Amino acid sequence: MSESKLLKSIVVGAVSGAIISMFDRKTREHAIETTKKVKNTFVYYAKNREELQQFIEQKVEEAQELYDDLSGNINTIVSKLNEVKEIPNTIQSMVKDTKDVISNPSSKE
């Protein structure tokens, strides 16, 4: 029961805040302008459904390309990180080899 009161209070607060914000002239004008733009966009795409479908397909393709690029970049980063992880082992091996050569000069190849 307290959950429904919370939800109701949130809704009442949001509506009250929206109403109070409309007392500001600039906010009211901006809200009206934005509402008109959204309405015009809906009306336009309602009349031009093919264009809406093409627009959506284009955005889906762009999102897929972005995903593919990011996936490739992430794979490259992971590969480079694995290479960096191997650097200490390589350095340790080089130091050991150098130490062996210095400590046993007669075993030069």
C-alpha atoms as a PDB file:
ATOM      1  CA  MET A   1       0.000   0.000   0.000  1.00  0.00           C
ATOM      2  CA  SER A   2       2.860   2.385   0.769  1.00  0.00           C
ATOM      3  CA  GLU A   3       4.270   1.694  -2.694  1.00  0.00           C
ATOM      4  CA  SER A   4       1.121   3.049  -4.348  1.00  0.00           C
ATOM      5  CA  LYS A   5       1.317   6.178  -2.191  1.00  0.00           C
ATOM      6  CA  LEU A   6       4.911   6.654  -3.235  1.00  0.00           C
ATOM      7  CA  LEU A   7       4.091   6.333  -6.919  1.00  0.00           C
ATOM      8  CA  LYS A   8       1.104   8.659  -6.569  1.00  0.00           C
ATOM      9  CA  SER A   9       3.252  11.210  -4.728  1.00  0.00           C
ATOM     10  CA  ILE A  10       5.919  11.079  -7.433  1.00  0.00           C
ATOM     11  CA  VAL A  11       3.330  11.608 -10.169  1.00  0.00           C
ATOM     12  CA  VAL A  12       1.657  14.468  -8.276  1.00  0.00           C
ATOM     13  CA  GLY A  13       5.054  16.072  -7.666  1.00  0.00           C
ATOM     14  CA  ALA A  14       6.046  15.781 -11.316  1.00  0.00           C
ATOM     15  CA  VAL A  15       2.753  17.237 -12.523  1.00  0.00           C
ATOM     16  CA  SER A  16       2.954  20.043  -9.954  1.00  0.00           C
ATOM     17  CA  GLY A  17       6.508  20.830 -11.013  1.00  0.00           C
ATOM     18  CA  ALA A  18       5.523  20.911 -14.683  1.00  0.00           C
ATOM     19  CA  ILE A  19       2.604  23.231 -13.964  1.00  0.00           C
ATOM     20  CA  ILE A  20       4.730  25.585 -11.847  1.00  0.00           C
ATOM     21  CA  SER A  21       7.460  25.684 -14.485  1.00  0.00           C
ATOM     22  CA  MET A  22       4.880  26.849 -17.058  1.00  0.00           C
ATOM     23  CA  PHE A  23       4.570  30.160 -15.199  1.00  0.00           C
ATOM     24  CA  ASP A  24       7.918  31.131 -16.725  1.00  0.00           C
ATOM     25  CA  ARG A  25       7.308  32.669 -20.162  1.00  0.00           C
ATOM     26  CA  LYS A  26      10.500  31.311 -21.797  1.00  0.00           C
ATOM     27  CA  THR A  27       9.838  27.805 -20.522  1.00  0.00           C
ATOM     28  CA  ARG A  28       6.254  27.958 -21.750  1.00  0.00           C
ATOM     29  CA  GLU A  29       7.308  29.218 -25.199  1.00  0.00           C
ATOM     30  CA  HIS A  30       9.991  26.554 -25.465  1.00  0.00           C
ATOM     31  CA  ALA A  31       7.526  23.822 -24.471  1.00  0.00           C
ATOM     32  CA  ILE A  32       5.004  25.032 -27.048  1.00  0.00           C
ATOM     33  CA  GLU A  33       7.673  25.234 -29.768  1.00  0.00           C
ATOM     34  CA  THR A  34       8.980  21.756 -28.976  1.00  0.00           C
ATOM     35  CA  THR A  35       5.458  20.313 -28.912  1.00  0.00           C
ATOM     36  CA  LYS A  36       4.711  21.832 -32.336  1.00  0.00           C
ATOM     37  CA  LYS A  37       7.927  20.372 -33.782  1.00  0.00           C
ATOM     38  CA  VAL A  38       7.127  16.922 -32.405  1.00  0.00           C
ATOM     39  CA  LYS A  39       3.556  17.131 -33.748  1.00  0.00           C
ATOM     40  CA  ASN A  40       4.778  18.197 -37.192  1.00  0.00           C
ATOM     41  CA  THR A  41       7.290  15.344 -37.244  1.00  0.00           C
ATOM     42  CA  PHE A  42       4.600  12.810 -36.338  1.00  0.00           C
ATOM     43  CA  VAL A  43       2.237  14.172 -38.984  1.00  0.00           C
ATOM     44  CA  TYR A  44       4.989  14.157 -41.631  1.00  0.00           C
ATOM     45  CA  TYR A  45       6.037  10.569 -40.948  1.00  0.00           C
ATOM     46  CA  ALA A  46       2.397   9.442 -40.697  1.00  0.00           C
ATOM     47  CA  LYS A  47       1.960  10.660 -44.287  1.00  0.00           C
ATOM     48  CA  ASN A  48       5.385   9.391 -45.447  1.00  0.00           C
ATOM     49  CA  ARG A  49       5.713   5.953 -43.907  1.00  0.00           C
ATOM     50  CA  GLU A  50       8.204   4.748 -46.515  1.00  0.00           C
ATOM     51  CA  GLU A  51      10.556   7.574 -45.599  1.00  0.00           C
ATOM     52  CA  LEU A  52      10.158   6.712 -41.922  1.00  0.00           C
ATOM     53  CA  GLN A  53      11.013   3.095 -42.687  1.00  0.00           C
ATOM     54  CA  GLN A  54      14.106   4.179 -44.664  1.00  0.00           C
ATOM     55  CA  PHE A  55      15.139   6.508 -41.839  1.00  0.00           C
ATOM     56  CA  ILE A  56      14.809   3.715 -39.272  1.00  0.00           C
ATOM     57  CA  GLU A  57      16.720   1.271 -41.487  1.00  0.00           C
ATOM     58  CA  GLN A  58      19.495   3.849 -41.930  1.00  0.00           C
ATOM     59  CA  LYS A  59      19.761   4.375 -38.181  1.00  0.00           C
ATOM     60  CA  VAL A  60      19.827   0.609 -37.576  1.00  0.00           C
ATOM     61  CA  GLU A  61      22.629   0.235 -40.147  1.00  0.00           C
ATOM     62  CA  GLU A  62      24.577   3.075 -38.525  1.00  0.00           C
ATOM     63  CA  ALA A  63      24.151   1.456 -35.123  1.00  0.00           C
ATOM     64  CA  GLN A  64      25.311  -1.897 -36.520  1.00  0.00           C
ATOM     65  CA  GLU A  65      28.393  -0.257 -38.090  1.00  0.00           C
ATOM     66  CA  LEU A  66      29.172   1.481 -34.817  1.00  0.00           C
ATOM     67  CA  TYR A  67      28.823  -1.813 -32.959  1.00  0.00           C
ATOM     68  CA  ASP A  68      31.112  -3.570 -35.457  1.00  0.00           C
ATOM     69  CA  ASP A  69      33.728  -0.794 -35.171  1.00  0.00           C
ATOM     70  CA  LEU A  70      33.598  -0.839 -31.381  1.00  0.00           C
ATOM     71  CA  SER A  71      33.798  -4.608 -31.324  1.00  0.00           C
ATOM     72  CA  GLY A  72      36.883  -4.517 -33.548  1.00  0.00           C
ATOM     73  CA  ASN A  73      38.473  -1.817 -31.412  1.00  0.00           C
ATOM     74  CA  ILE A  74      37.796  -3.757 -28.226  1.00  0.00           C
ATOM     75  CA  ASN A  75      39.332  -6.888 -29.732  1.00  0.00           C
ATOM     76  CA  THR A  76      42.422  -4.876 -30.722  1.00  0.00           C
ATOM     77  CA  ILE A  77      42.716  -3.409 -27.225  1.00  0.00           C
ATOM     78  CA  VAL A  78      42.410  -6.845 -25.624  1.00  0.00           C
ATOM     79  CA  SER A  79      45.087  -8.188 -27.968  1.00  0.00           C
ATOM     80  CA  LYS A  80      47.435  -5.302 -27.113  1.00  0.00           C
ATOM     81  CA  LEU A  81      46.807  -5.797 -23.399  1.00  0.00           C
ATOM     82  CA  ASN A  82      47.747  -9.450 -23.727  1.00  0.00           C
ATOM     83  CA  GLU A  83      50.960  -8.404 -25.480  1.00  0.00           C
ATOM     84  CA  VAL A  84      51.718  -5.960 -22.659  1.00  0.00           C
ATOM     85  CA  LYS A  85      51.170  -8.731 -20.112  1.00  0.00           C
ATOM     86  CA  GLU A  86      53.924 -10.750 -21.818  1.00  0.00           C
ATOM     87  CA  ILE A  87      56.513  -7.934 -21.586  1.00  0.00           C
ATOM     88  CA  PRO A  88      57.635  -8.751 -18.012  1.00  0.00           C
ATOM     89  CA  ASN A  89      58.237 -12.393 -18.973  1.00  0.00           C
ATOM     90  CA  THR A  90      60.251 -11.327 -22.016  1.00  0.00           C
ATOM     91  CA  ILE A  91      62.331  -8.876 -19.975  1.00  0.00           C
ATOM     92  CA  GLN A  92      62.899 -11.483 -17.279  1.00  0.00           C
ATOM     93  CA  SER A  93      64.058 -13.956 -19.908  1.00  0.00           C
ATOM     94  CA  MET A  94      66.416 -11.374 -21.453  1.00  0.00           C
ATOM     95  CA  VAL A  95      67.887 -10.517 -18.037  1.00  0.00           C
ATOM     96  CA  LYS A  96      68.422 -14.203 -17.268  1.00  0.00           C
ATOM     97  CA  ASP A  97      70.103 -14.804 -20.635  1.00  0.00           C
ATOM     98  CA  THR A  98      72.335 -11.742 -20.138  1.00  0.00           C
ATOM     99  CA  LYS A  99      73.229 -12.866 -16.616  1.00  0.00           C
ATOM    100  CA  ASP A 100      74.089 -16.354 -17.921  1.00  0.00           C
ATOM    101  CA  VAL A 101      76.346 -14.921 -20.628  1.00  0.00           C
ATOM    102  CA  ILE A 102      78.092 -12.590 -18.175  1.00  0.00           C
ATOM    103  CA  SER A 103      78.575 -15.260 -15.502  1.00  0.00           C
ATOM    104  CA  ASN A 104      79.811 -17.897 -18.012  1.00  0.00           C
ATOM    105  CA  PRO A 105      81.930 -16.050 -20.558  1.00  0.00           C
ATOM    106  CA  SER A 106      83.525 -19.301 -21.785  1.00  0.00           C
ATOM    107  CA  SER A 107      80.192 -20.643 -23.045  1.00  0.00           C
ATOM    108  CA  LYS A 108      79.816 -17.996 -25.780  1.00  0.00           C
ATOM    109  CA  GLU A 109      78.273 -19.332 -28.921  1.00  0.00           C
END
